[in-house]
Amino acid sequence: MSDSGGNQGSYVAAGEFARDSTYIPDRITLGARRPEHGPVDGELWPVEPGRYRLVAAKACPWATRTIIVRQLLGLEDVISLGTPGPTHDERSWTFDLDPGGVDPVLGIERVQQAYFARFPDYPRGITVPAVVDVPTGGVVTNDFPWITHDLFFEWREHHRADAPDLWPTGLREEMEEVMKRVYTEVNNGVYRCGFAGSQEAYDAAYDRLWTALDWLEERLSTRRYLMGDAITEADVRLWTTLARFDAVYHGHFKCNRQKLVEMSNLWGYARELYAIPAFGDNTDFEQIKQHYYVVHRDLNPTQIVPRGPDLAGWLEPHGRG
């Protein structure tokens, strides 16, 4: 079983879904220095414009985070982007959207080839996002939370002049707490519902998810974004789950107490983010549906992809100032 990033999951006691969160721990830092924040359990690589290619499928929520942050910060001409298609098999994601099914920069058909170029016996799931060293064709890291963190802190010399402050100094401690709850209860919470192996595990996962969504609905009743008046990394992390909620998680993952469109604050907030090019341009609902309904054969054996929901509402005015 794999989730939408290709990350291998497993069932544990009482049928509860557990995510394998072991990633390649390398990081890209300015001058390959020791970073100010976070662990250094792998190699350090230098910031170098044009050297790296971000491989990220728009179908995958974890990967879409990195595409959004890259665009928000104006790094499109500094780090190139490769986009695998919406589905993958047991081996890896493939570049079936590119001419001839080959990534035009890396010259490979499968993301797996970049992993094997560096680790011939790589034992874990082939996941996206992945940052690849173009000169060698080998993967650098797939540790998605640190990829976006380092795009902000380590690539600052290359940000566009009006790039948003995604990690405001005075809010970082609270933001870390908010992002942790968003990750455990919402981003991963929908998967705990969808891949629950028992009624008991599903019921517990469902209750946890909706407790968190109710908390977010209330939080957004008093502020424009999760941390106040400006977009931060926290909003990017929540967004990718909200964008997939009605199209996939509500039905496919049985998260069906309410739809996003029925939660007024979250729905207005989501529409406001969708109107921002970095969010809306990188949200492909057809790819999202193709991925979940085709790849998750254990949940959808027929692989039939639903035609709905009606997406017209995403274009309606959000009415949030």
C-alpha atoms as a PDB file:
ATOM      1  CA  MET A   1       0.000   0.000   0.000  1.00  0.00           C
ATOM      2  CA  SER A   2       1.251   3.503  -0.752  1.00  0.00           C
ATOM      3  CA  ASP A   3      -0.081   6.977  -0.202  1.00  0.00           C
ATOM      4  CA  SER A   4      -0.175   9.730  -2.778  1.00  0.00           C
ATOM      5  CA  GLY A   5       3.509  10.549  -2.496  1.00  0.00           C
ATOM      6  CA  GLY A   6       4.445   6.943  -3.067  1.00  0.00           C
ATOM      7  CA  ASN A   7       5.382   6.746   0.604  1.00  0.00           C
ATOM      8  CA  GLN A   8       4.983   3.275   1.986  1.00  0.00           C
ATOM      9  CA  GLY A   9       2.362   2.930   4.701  1.00  0.00           C
ATOM     10  CA  SER A  10       1.666   0.020   7.006  1.00  0.00           C
ATOM     11  CA  TYR A  11      -1.076  -1.217   9.255  1.00  0.00           C
ATOM     12  CA  VAL A  12      -0.321  -1.366  12.944  1.00  0.00           C
ATOM     13  CA  ALA A  13      -2.322  -2.470  15.965  1.00  0.00           C
ATOM     14  CA  ALA A  14      -6.103  -2.342  15.522  1.00  0.00           C
ATOM     15  CA  GLY A  15      -5.777  -1.550  11.822  1.00  0.00           C
ATOM     16  CA  GLU A  16      -4.446   2.007  12.207  1.00  0.00           C
ATOM     17  CA  PHE A  17      -2.554   3.527   9.277  1.00  0.00           C
ATOM     18  CA  ALA A  18       1.048   4.487  10.041  1.00  0.00           C
ATOM     19  CA  ARG A  19       3.208   6.520   7.687  1.00  0.00           C
ATOM     20  CA  ASP A  20       6.810   5.625   6.981  1.00  0.00           C
ATOM     21  CA  SER A  21       8.447   8.996   7.611  1.00  0.00           C
ATOM     22  CA  THR A  22      12.050   8.029   6.932  1.00  0.00           C
ATOM     23  CA  TYR A  23      13.462  10.172   4.139  1.00  0.00           C
ATOM     24  CA  ILE A  24      16.870  10.957   2.653  1.00  0.00           C
ATOM     25  CA  PRO A  25      18.151  13.431   5.268  1.00  0.00           C
ATOM     26  CA  ASP A  26      20.441  15.519   3.040  1.00  0.00           C
ATOM     27  CA  ARG A  27      19.851  19.271   2.864  1.00  0.00           C
ATOM     28  CA  ILE A  28      20.826  22.083   0.496  1.00  0.00           C
ATOM     29  CA  THR A  29      22.213  25.087   2.360  1.00  0.00           C
ATOM     30  CA  LEU A  30      24.050  28.291   1.539  1.00  0.00           C
ATOM     31  CA  GLY A  31      27.694  27.308   1.100  1.00  0.00           C
ATOM     32  CA  ALA A  32      26.839  23.796   2.324  1.00  0.00           C
ATOM     33  CA  ARG A  33      27.005  25.252   5.844  1.00  0.00           C
ATOM     34  CA  ARG A  34      25.398  23.743   8.868  1.00  0.00           C
ATOM     35  CA  PRO A  35      21.819  25.107   8.866  1.00  0.00           C
ATOM     36  CA  GLU A  36      20.577  27.265  11.689  1.00  0.00           C
ATOM     37  CA  HIS A  37      17.404  25.226  12.092  1.00  0.00           C
ATOM     38  CA  GLY A  38      16.737  21.518  12.135  1.00  0.00           C
ATOM     39  CA  PRO A  39      18.719  18.292  12.066  1.00  0.00           C
ATOM     40  CA  VAL A  40      21.758  17.467   9.972  1.00  0.00           C
ATOM     41  CA  ASP A  41      21.681  13.704   9.676  1.00  0.00           C
ATOM     42  CA  GLY A  42      22.862  13.526   6.071  1.00  0.00           C
ATOM     43  CA  GLU A  43      25.113  15.340   3.641  1.00  0.00           C
ATOM     44  CA  LEU A  44      25.040  19.092   3.054  1.00  0.00           C
ATOM     45  CA  TRP A  45      24.851  20.369  -0.528  1.00  0.00           C
ATOM     46  CA  PRO A  46      25.533  23.948  -1.639  1.00  0.00           C
ATOM     47  CA  VAL A  47      22.940  26.391  -2.912  1.00  0.00           C
ATOM     48  CA  GLU A  48      23.727  26.699  -6.615  1.00  0.00           C
ATOM     49  CA  PRO A  49      21.282  28.199  -9.132  1.00  0.00           C
ATOM     50  CA  GLY A  50      20.622  25.913 -12.076  1.00  0.00           C
ATOM     51  CA  ARG A  51      22.128  22.840 -10.449  1.00  0.00           C
ATOM     52  CA  TYR A  52      19.023  21.193  -9.043  1.00  0.00           C
ATOM     53  CA  ARG A  53      15.708  19.980 -10.434  1.00  0.00           C
ATOM     54  CA  LEU A  54      12.635  19.709  -8.264  1.00  0.00           C
ATOM     55  CA  VAL A  55      10.640  16.635  -9.264  1.00  0.00           C
ATOM     56  CA  ALA A  56       7.101  17.072  -7.984  1.00  0.00           C
ATOM     57  CA  ALA A  57       3.784  15.670  -9.201  1.00  0.00           C
ATOM     58  CA  LYS A  58       0.804  18.026  -9.042  1.00  0.00           C
ATOM     59  CA  ALA A  59      -1.354  15.070  -8.041  1.00  0.00           C
ATOM     60  CA  CYS A  60       0.525  14.647  -4.759  1.00  0.00           C
ATOM     61  CA  PRO A  61      -0.234  16.977  -1.824  1.00  0.00           C
ATOM     62  CA  TRP A  62       3.240  16.669  -0.300  1.00  0.00           C
ATOM     63  CA  ALA A  63       4.858  17.488  -3.643  1.00  0.00           C
ATOM     64  CA  THR A  64       2.485  20.328  -4.490  1.00  0.00           C
ATOM     65  CA  ARG A  65       3.649  22.144  -1.360  1.00  0.00           C
ATOM     66  CA  THR A  66       7.111  22.482  -2.854  1.00  0.00           C
ATOM     67  CA  ILE A  67       5.807  23.713  -6.217  1.00  0.00           C
ATOM     68  CA  ILE A  68       3.734  26.401  -4.499  1.00  0.00           C
ATOM     69  CA  VAL A  69       6.602  27.602  -2.300  1.00  0.00           C
ATOM     70  CA  ARG A  70       8.988  27.651  -5.272  1.00  0.00           C
ATOM     71  CA  GLN A  71       6.592  29.962  -7.131  1.00  0.00           C
ATOM     72  CA  LEU A  72       5.731  32.147  -4.121  1.00  0.00           C
ATOM     73  CA  LEU A  73       9.436  32.831  -3.601  1.00  0.00           C
ATOM     74  CA  GLY A  74      10.160  33.414  -7.283  1.00  0.00           C
ATOM     75  CA  LEU A  75      12.611  30.553  -7.681  1.00  0.00           C
ATOM     76  CA  GLU A  76      11.321  29.318 -11.038  1.00  0.00           C
ATOM     77  CA  ASP A  77      14.472  30.391 -12.922  1.00  0.00           C
ATOM     78  CA  VAL A  78      16.773  29.111 -10.183  1.00  0.00           C
ATOM     79  CA  ILE A  79      15.455  25.587  -9.599  1.00  0.00           C
ATOM     80  CA  SER A  80      13.884  23.809 -12.568  1.00  0.00           C
ATOM     81  CA  LEU A  81      10.721  21.735 -12.228  1.00  0.00           C
ATOM     82  CA  GLY A  82       9.949  18.252 -13.498  1.00  0.00           C
ATOM     83  CA  THR A  83       6.369  17.031 -13.212  1.00  0.00           C
ATOM     84  CA  PRO A  84       5.575  13.321 -13.324  1.00  0.00           C
ATOM     85  CA  GLY A  85       2.087  12.291 -14.375  1.00  0.00           C
ATOM     86  CA  PRO A  86      -0.730  11.639 -11.914  1.00  0.00           C
ATOM     87  CA  THR A  87      -0.354   7.867 -11.562  1.00  0.00           C
ATOM     88  CA  HIS A  88       2.414   5.465 -10.653  1.00  0.00           C
ATOM     89  CA  ASP A  89       2.892   1.732 -10.416  1.00  0.00           C
ATOM     90  CA  GLU A  90       4.694  -0.336  -7.780  1.00  0.00           C
ATOM     91  CA  ARG A  91       8.067   0.867  -9.078  1.00  0.00           C
ATOM     92  CA  SER A  92       7.689   4.628  -9.201  1.00  0.00           C
ATOM     93  CA  TRP A  93       6.172   7.743 -10.702  1.00  0.00           C
ATOM     94  CA  THR A  94       6.710   8.186 -14.437  1.00  0.00           C
ATOM     95  CA  PHE A  95       7.141  11.196 -16.726  1.00  0.00           C
ATOM     96  CA  ASP A  96       4.231  10.308 -18.971  1.00  0.00           C
ATOM     97  CA  LEU A  97       3.213  13.968 -19.403  1.00  0.00           C
ATOM     98  CA  ASP A  98       6.479  14.749 -21.226  1.00  0.00           C
ATOM     99  CA  PRO A  99       7.127  14.019 -24.920  1.00  0.00           C
ATOM    100  CA  GLY A 100       8.209  10.404 -25.270  1.00  0.00           C
ATOM    101  CA  GLY A 101       7.609   9.861 -21.567  1.00  0.00           C
ATOM    102  CA  VAL A 102      11.077  11.241 -20.744  1.00  0.00           C
ATOM    103  CA  ASP A 103      11.943  14.152 -18.465  1.00  0.00           C
ATOM    104  CA  PRO A 104      13.566  16.694 -20.807  1.00  0.00           C
ATOM    105  CA  VAL A 105      16.312  17.689 -18.356  1.00  0.00           C
ATOM    106  CA  LEU A 106      17.120  14.463 -16.531  1.00  0.00           C
ATOM    107  CA  GLY A 107      16.545  12.191 -19.522  1.00  0.00           C
ATOM    108  CA  ILE A 108      14.777   9.544 -17.439  1.00  0.00           C
ATOM    109  CA  GLU A 109      11.407   7.831 -17.709  1.00  0.00           C
ATOM    110  CA  ARG A 110      10.955   7.054 -14.011  1.00  0.00           C
ATOM    111  CA  VAL A 111      11.696   8.948 -10.817  1.00  0.00           C
ATOM    112  CA  GLN A 112      13.146   5.664  -9.604  1.00  0.00           C
ATOM    113  CA  GLN A 113      16.115   6.142 -11.944  1.00  0.00           C
ATOM    114  CA  ALA A 114      17.226   9.265 -10.070  1.00  0.00           C
ATOM    115  CA  TYR A 115      17.102   7.368  -6.772  1.00  0.00           C
ATOM    116  CA  PHE A 116      19.046   4.423  -8.174  1.00  0.00           C
ATOM    117  CA  ALA A 117      21.617   6.752  -9.748  1.00  0.00           C
ATOM    118  CA  ARG A 118      22.726   7.613  -6.231  1.00  0.00           C
ATOM    119  CA  PHE A 119      21.546   4.622  -4.212  1.00  0.00           C
ATOM    120  CA  PRO A 120      21.557   1.498  -6.449  1.00  0.00           C
ATOM    121  CA  ASP A 121      19.897  -0.552  -3.715  1.00  0.00           C
ATOM    122  CA  TYR A 122      17.540   2.118  -2.384  1.00  0.00           C
ATOM    123  CA  PRO A 123      15.246   0.143  -0.070  1.00  0.00           C
ATOM    124  CA  ARG A 124      12.319   2.489   0.532  1.00  0.00           C
ATOM    125  CA  GLY A 125       9.426   3.915  -1.467  1.00  0.00           C
ATOM    126  CA  ILE A 126      10.246   6.151  -4.438  1.00  0.00           C
ATOM    127  CA  THR A 127       8.604   9.378  -3.352  1.00  0.00           C
ATOM    128  CA  VAL A 128       7.911  12.877  -4.598  1.00  0.00           C
ATOM    129  CA  PRO A 129       8.867  15.597  -4.091  1.00  0.00           C
ATOM    130  CA  ALA A 130      12.497  14.839  -4.763  1.00  0.00           C
ATOM    131  CA  VAL A 131      15.325  17.251  -5.449  1.00  0.00           C
ATOM    132  CA  VAL A 132      17.735  15.884  -8.041  1.00  0.00           C
ATOM    133  CA  ASP A 133      21.322  16.933  -8.741  1.00  0.00           C
ATOM    134  CA  VAL A 134      21.234  17.543 -12.502  1.00  0.00           C
ATOM    135  CA  PRO A 135      24.973  16.987 -13.218  1.00  0.00           C
ATOM    136  CA  THR A 136      24.959  13.504 -11.688  1.00  0.00           C
ATOM    137  CA  GLY A 137      21.282  12.660 -12.161  1.00  0.00           C
ATOM    138  CA  GLY A 138      21.118  11.425  -8.574  1.00  0.00           C
ATOM    139  CA  VAL A 139      18.545  12.285  -5.940  1.00  0.00           C
ATOM    140  CA  VAL A 140      19.658  14.716  -3.233  1.00  0.00           C
ATOM    141  CA  THR A 141      16.714  14.589  -0.839  1.00  0.00           C
ATOM    142  CA  ASN A 142      13.045  13.714  -0.609  1.00  0.00           C
ATOM    143  CA  ASP A 143      12.536  15.107   2.903  1.00  0.00           C
ATOM    144  CA  PHE A 144       9.586  17.308   1.968  1.00  0.00           C
ATOM    145  CA  PRO A 145       9.156  19.403   5.156  1.00  0.00           C
ATOM    146  CA  TRP A 146      12.800  20.475   5.024  1.00  0.00           C
ATOM    147  CA  ILE A 147      12.734  21.107   1.275  1.00  0.00           C
ATOM    148  CA  THR A 148      10.259  23.967   1.633  1.00  0.00           C
ATOM    149  CA  HIS A 149      11.886  25.186   4.838  1.00  0.00           C
ATOM    150  CA  ASP A 150      15.256  25.443   3.107  1.00  0.00           C
ATOM    151  CA  LEU A 151      13.820  27.051  -0.020  1.00  0.00           C
ATOM    152  CA  PHE A 152      12.900  29.926   2.254  1.00  0.00           C
ATOM    153  CA  PHE A 153      15.881  30.131   4.607  1.00  0.00           C
ATOM    154  CA  GLU A 154      18.793  28.969   2.423  1.00  0.00           C
ATOM    155  CA  TRP A 155      17.848  30.347  -1.012  1.00  0.00           C
ATOM    156  CA  ARG A 156      16.962  33.864   0.182  1.00  0.00           C
ATOM    157  CA  GLU A 157      19.571  35.548  -2.022  1.00  0.00           C
ATOM    158  CA  HIS A 158      17.574  34.314  -5.009  1.00  0.00           C
ATOM    159  CA  HIS A 159      14.044  35.184  -3.846  1.00  0.00           C
ATOM    160  CA  ARG A 160      12.147  37.782  -5.820  1.00  0.00           C
ATOM    161  CA  ALA A 161      12.049  41.220  -4.194  1.00  0.00           C
ATOM    162  CA  ASP A 162       8.411  40.976  -3.066  1.00  0.00           C
ATOM    163  CA  ALA A 163       8.496  37.342  -1.912  1.00  0.00           C
ATOM    164  CA  PRO A 164       6.285  36.732   1.148  1.00  0.00           C
ATOM    165  CA  ASP A 165       7.810  36.127   4.559  1.00  0.00           C
ATOM    166  CA  LEU A 166       6.697  32.534   4.961  1.00  0.00           C
ATOM    167  CA  TRP A 167       8.415  32.132   8.350  1.00  0.00           C
ATOM    168  CA  PRO A 168       7.866  35.430  10.236  1.00  0.00           C
ATOM    169  CA  THR A 169      10.270  35.632  13.169  1.00  0.00           C
ATOM    170  CA  GLY A 170       7.784  36.583  15.847  1.00  0.00           C
ATOM    171  CA  LEU A 171       5.342  33.825  14.909  1.00  0.00           C
ATOM    172  CA  ARG A 172       7.640  30.844  14.345  1.00  0.00           C
ATOM    173  CA  GLU A 173       7.107  29.129  17.686  1.00  0.00           C
ATOM    174  CA  GLU A 174       3.318  29.293  17.426  1.00  0.00           C
ATOM    175  CA  MET A 175       3.482  28.449  13.718  1.00  0.00           C
ATOM    176  CA  GLU A 176       5.442  25.272  14.432  1.00  0.00           C
ATOM    177  CA  GLU A 177       2.696  24.193  16.840  1.00  0.00           C
ATOM    178  CA  VAL A 178      -0.034  24.977  14.303  1.00  0.00           C
ATOM    179  CA  MET A 179       1.795  23.133  11.514  1.00  0.00           C
ATOM    180  CA  LYS A 180       2.375  20.106  13.717  1.00  0.00           C
ATOM    181  CA  ARG A 181      -1.335  19.853  14.462  1.00  0.00           C
ATOM    182  CA  VAL A 182      -2.229  20.427  10.809  1.00  0.00           C
ATOM    183  CA  TYR A 183       0.153  17.658   9.756  1.00  0.00           C
ATOM    184  CA  THR A 184      -0.767  15.023  12.316  1.00  0.00           C
ATOM    185  CA  GLU A 185      -4.511  15.674  12.459  1.00  0.00           C
ATOM    186  CA  VAL A 186      -5.412  16.933   8.963  1.00  0.00           C
ATOM    187  CA  ASN A 187      -2.739  16.253   6.309  1.00  0.00           C
ATOM    188  CA  ASN A 188      -2.136  12.772   7.684  1.00  0.00           C
ATOM    189  CA  GLY A 189      -5.533  12.495   9.332  1.00  0.00           C
ATOM    190  CA  VAL A 190      -7.376  12.014   6.059  1.00  0.00           C
ATOM    191  CA  TYR A 191      -5.073   9.076   5.291  1.00  0.00           C
ATOM    192  CA  ARG A 192      -5.743   7.526   8.683  1.00  0.00           C
ATOM    193  CA  CYS A 193      -9.428   7.576   7.744  1.00  0.00           C
ATOM    194  CA  GLY A 194      -8.946   6.316   4.211  1.00  0.00           C
ATOM    195  CA  PHE A 195      -6.571   3.476   5.009  1.00  0.00           C
ATOM    196  CA  ALA A 196      -8.019   2.411   8.354  1.00  0.00           C
ATOM    197  CA  GLY A 197      -8.064  -1.373   8.594  1.00  0.00           C
ATOM    198  CA  SER A 198     -10.841  -1.674  11.150  1.00  0.00           C
ATOM    199  CA  GLN A 199     -14.028   0.121  12.135  1.00  0.00           C
ATOM    200  CA  GLU A 200     -12.507   1.075  15.465  1.00  0.00           C
ATOM    201  CA  ALA A 201      -9.437   2.615  13.834  1.00  0.00           C
ATOM    202  CA  TYR A 202     -11.594   4.478  11.314  1.00  0.00           C
ATOM    203  CA  ASP A 203     -13.939   5.868  13.966  1.00  0.00           C
ATOM    204  CA  ALA A 204     -11.017   7.151  16.020  1.00  0.00           C
ATOM    205  CA  ALA A 205      -9.348   8.687  12.958  1.00  0.00           C
ATOM    206  CA  TYR A 206     -12.610  10.317  11.854  1.00  0.00           C
ATOM    207  CA  ASP A 207     -13.155  11.915  15.251  1.00  0.00           C
ATOM    208  CA  ARG A 208      -9.581  13.240  15.359  1.00  0.00           C
ATOM    209  CA  LEU A 209      -9.859  14.706  11.867  1.00  0.00           C
ATOM    210  CA  TRP A 210     -13.092  16.547  12.504  1.00  0.00           C
ATOM    211  CA  THR A 211     -11.951  17.853  15.868  1.00  0.00           C
ATOM    212  CA  ALA A 212      -9.049  19.473  14.025  1.00  0.00           C
ATOM    213  CA  LEU A 213     -11.174  20.785  11.160  1.00  0.00           C
ATOM    214  CA  ASP A 214     -13.593  22.342  13.637  1.00  0.00           C
ATOM    215  CA  TRP A 215     -10.610  23.983  15.350  1.00  0.00           C
ATOM    216  CA  LEU A 216      -9.444  25.401  12.011  1.00  0.00           C
ATOM    217  CA  GLU A 217     -12.939  26.613  11.119  1.00  0.00           C
ATOM    218  CA  GLU A 218     -13.060  28.493  14.416  1.00  0.00           C
ATOM    219  CA  ARG A 219      -9.496  29.814  14.042  1.00  0.00           C
ATOM    220  CA  LEU A 220     -10.285  31.273  10.638  1.00  0.00           C
ATOM    221  CA  SER A 221     -13.320  33.086  12.018  1.00  0.00           C
ATOM    222  CA  THR A 222     -11.000  35.638  13.632  1.00  0.00           C
ATOM    223  CA  ARG A 223      -8.090  35.880  11.193  1.00  0.00           C
ATOM    224  CA  ARG A 224      -7.529  35.987   7.464  1.00  0.00           C
ATOM    225  CA  TYR A 225      -4.821  33.319   7.308  1.00  0.00           C
ATOM    226  CA  LEU A 226      -3.715  30.724   9.817  1.00  0.00           C
ATOM    227  CA  MET A 227      -1.165  33.005  11.451  1.00  0.00           C
ATOM    228  CA  GLY A 228      -2.839  36.368  10.919  1.00  0.00           C
ATOM    229  CA  ASP A 229      -2.920  38.865   8.051  1.00  0.00           C
ATOM    230  CA  ALA A 230      -0.244  37.316   5.816  1.00  0.00           C
ATOM    231  CA  ILE A 231       0.380  33.977   4.127  1.00  0.00           C
ATOM    232  CA  THR A 232       2.907  31.699   5.797  1.00  0.00           C
ATOM    233  CA  GLU A 233       4.229  28.175   5.311  1.00  0.00           C
ATOM    234  CA  ALA A 234       1.370  27.008   7.539  1.00  0.00           C
ATOM    235  CA  ASP A 235      -1.171  28.045   4.899  1.00  0.00           C
ATOM    236  CA  VAL A 236       0.688  26.188   2.170  1.00  0.00           C
ATOM    237  CA  ARG A 237       0.685  23.013   4.253  1.00  0.00           C
ATOM    238  CA  LEU A 238      -3.033  23.158   4.996  1.00  0.00           C
ATOM    239  CA  TRP A 239      -4.014  24.199   1.482  1.00  0.00           C
ATOM    240  CA  THR A 240      -3.036  20.971  -0.277  1.00  0.00           C
ATOM    241  CA  THR A 241      -5.420  18.951   1.895  1.00  0.00           C
ATOM    242  CA  LEU A 242      -8.273  21.431   1.538  1.00  0.00           C
ATOM    243  CA  ALA A 243      -7.896  21.477  -2.252  1.00  0.00           C
ATOM    244  CA  ARG A 244      -8.366  17.708  -2.352  1.00  0.00           C
ATOM    245  CA  PHE A 245     -11.072  17.457   0.263  1.00  0.00           C
ATOM    246  CA  ASP A 246     -14.320  17.480  -1.713  1.00  0.00           C
ATOM    247  CA  ALA A 247     -12.828  15.881  -4.834  1.00  0.00           C
ATOM    248  CA  VAL A 248     -11.192  12.959  -3.038  1.00  0.00           C
ATOM    249  CA  TYR A 249     -11.115  12.787   0.743  1.00  0.00           C
ATOM    250  CA  HIS A 250     -14.831  13.318   1.392  1.00  0.00           C
ATOM    251  CA  GLY A 251     -15.852  10.182  -0.492  1.00  0.00           C
ATOM    252  CA  HIS A 252     -12.758   8.149  -1.358  1.00  0.00           C
ATOM    253  CA  PHE A 253     -11.330   8.405   2.175  1.00  0.00           C
ATOM    254  CA  LYS A 254     -14.728   8.431   3.942  1.00  0.00           C
ATOM    255  CA  CYS A 255     -14.160  11.852   5.559  1.00  0.00           C
ATOM    256  CA  ASN A 256     -17.786  12.643   4.942  1.00  0.00           C
ATOM    257  CA  ARG A 257     -19.267  14.535   7.881  1.00  0.00           C
ATOM    258  CA  GLN A 258     -19.314  17.676   5.746  1.00  0.00           C
ATOM    259  CA  LYS A 259     -17.875  18.961   2.519  1.00  0.00           C
ATOM    260  CA  LEU A 260     -15.415  21.825   2.463  1.00  0.00           C
ATOM    261  CA  VAL A 261     -18.055  23.956   0.710  1.00  0.00           C
ATOM    262  CA  GLU A 262     -20.258  23.544   3.805  1.00  0.00           C
ATOM    263  CA  MET A 263     -17.683  25.035   6.193  1.00  0.00           C
ATOM    264  CA  SER A 264     -17.984  28.757   5.585  1.00  0.00           C
ATOM    265  CA  ASN A 265     -14.667  29.984   6.980  1.00  0.00           C
ATOM    266  CA  LEU A 266     -12.515  27.197   5.546  1.00  0.00           C
ATOM    267  CA  TRP A 267     -14.293  27.436   2.196  1.00  0.00           C
ATOM    268  CA  GLY A 268     -13.829  31.193   1.920  1.00  0.00           C
ATOM    269  CA  TYR A 269     -10.200  30.847   2.986  1.00  0.00           C
ATOM    270  CA  ALA A 270      -9.588  28.086   0.432  1.00  0.00           C
ATOM    271  CA  ARG A 271     -11.133  30.153  -2.377  1.00  0.00           C
ATOM    272  CA  GLU A 272      -8.974  33.132  -1.461  1.00  0.00           C
ATOM    273  CA  LEU A 273      -5.832  31.006  -1.660  1.00  0.00           C
ATOM    274  CA  TYR A 274      -6.982  29.451  -4.934  1.00  0.00           C
ATOM    275  CA  ALA A 275      -7.162  32.950  -6.464  1.00  0.00           C
ATOM    276  CA  ILE A 276      -3.433  33.404  -5.789  1.00  0.00           C
ATOM    277  CA  PRO A 277      -1.518  32.130  -8.860  1.00  0.00           C
ATOM    278  CA  ALA A 278       1.022  30.039  -6.920  1.00  0.00           C
ATOM    279  CA  PHE A 279      -1.874  28.084  -5.405  1.00  0.00           C
ATOM    280  CA  GLY A 280      -4.422  28.022  -8.223  1.00  0.00           C
ATOM    281  CA  ASP A 281      -1.960  27.481 -11.072  1.00  0.00           C
ATOM    282  CA  ASN A 282      -0.546  24.415  -9.381  1.00  0.00           C
ATOM    283  CA  THR A 283      -3.825  22.770  -8.420  1.00  0.00           C
ATOM    284  CA  ASP A 284      -4.918  20.307 -11.098  1.00  0.00           C
ATOM    285  CA  PHE A 285      -8.158  18.678 -10.001  1.00  0.00           C
ATOM    286  CA  GLU A 286      -8.196  16.182 -12.856  1.00  0.00           C
ATOM    287  CA  GLN A 287      -4.699  14.955 -12.021  1.00  0.00           C
ATOM    288  CA  ILE A 288      -5.663  14.766  -8.354  1.00  0.00           C
ATOM    289  CA  LYS A 289      -8.686  12.586  -9.075  1.00  0.00           C
ATOM    290  CA  GLN A 290      -6.801  10.431 -11.568  1.00  0.00           C
ATOM    291  CA  HIS A 291      -4.158   9.722  -8.984  1.00  0.00           C
ATOM    292  CA  TYR A 292      -6.263   8.711  -6.019  1.00  0.00           C
ATOM    293  CA  TYR A 293      -8.972   6.783  -7.833  1.00  0.00           C
ATOM    294  CA  VAL A 294      -6.597   4.930 -10.170  1.00  0.00           C
ATOM    295  CA  VAL A 295      -3.622   4.210  -7.912  1.00  0.00           C
ATOM    296  CA  HIS A 296      -5.547   3.165  -4.792  1.00  0.00           C
ATOM    297  CA  ARG A 297      -6.906  -0.067  -6.217  1.00  0.00           C
ATOM    298  CA  ASP A 298      -7.478  -1.479  -2.749  1.00  0.00           C
ATOM    299  CA  LEU A 299      -9.988   1.327  -2.120  1.00  0.00           C
ATOM    300  CA  ASN A 300     -11.330   1.620  -5.694  1.00  0.00           C
ATOM    301  CA  PRO A 301     -10.884  -1.720  -7.493  1.00  0.00           C
ATOM    302  CA  THR A 302     -12.767  -0.562 -10.609  1.00  0.00           C
ATOM    303  CA  GLN A 303     -10.456   2.470 -11.010  1.00  0.00           C
ATOM    304  CA  ILE A 304     -13.466   4.500 -12.115  1.00  0.00           C
ATOM    305  CA  VAL A 305     -12.738   8.216 -11.721  1.00  0.00           C
ATOM    306  CA  PRO A 306     -15.766  10.301 -10.646  1.00  0.00           C
ATOM    307  CA  ARG A 307     -16.776  13.200 -12.895  1.00  0.00           C
ATOM    308  CA  GLY A 308     -17.644  15.515 -10.017  1.00  0.00           C
ATOM    309  CA  PRO A 309     -17.621  17.587  -8.005  1.00  0.00           C
ATOM    310  CA  ASP A 310     -18.622  20.777  -9.808  1.00  0.00           C
ATOM    311  CA  LEU A 311     -15.574  23.040  -9.599  1.00  0.00           C
ATOM    312  CA  ALA A 312     -17.324  26.273 -10.536  1.00  0.00           C
ATOM    313  CA  GLY A 313     -17.505  27.342  -6.903  1.00  0.00           C
ATOM    314  CA  TRP A 314     -13.737  27.714  -6.715  1.00  0.00           C
ATOM    315  CA  LEU A 315     -14.032  30.744  -9.034  1.00  0.00           C
ATOM    316  CA  GLU A 316     -16.708  32.514  -7.012  1.00  0.00           C
ATOM    317  CA  PRO A 317     -15.671  35.655  -5.066  1.00  0.00           C
ATOM    318  CA  HIS A 318     -14.352  34.652  -1.655  1.00  0.00           C
ATOM    319  CA  GLY A 319     -15.703  37.752   0.058  1.00  0.00           C
ATOM    320  CA  ARG A 320     -12.842  37.970   2.564  1.00  0.00           C
ATOM    321  CA  GLY A 321     -11.802  41.574   2.124  1.00  0.00           C
END
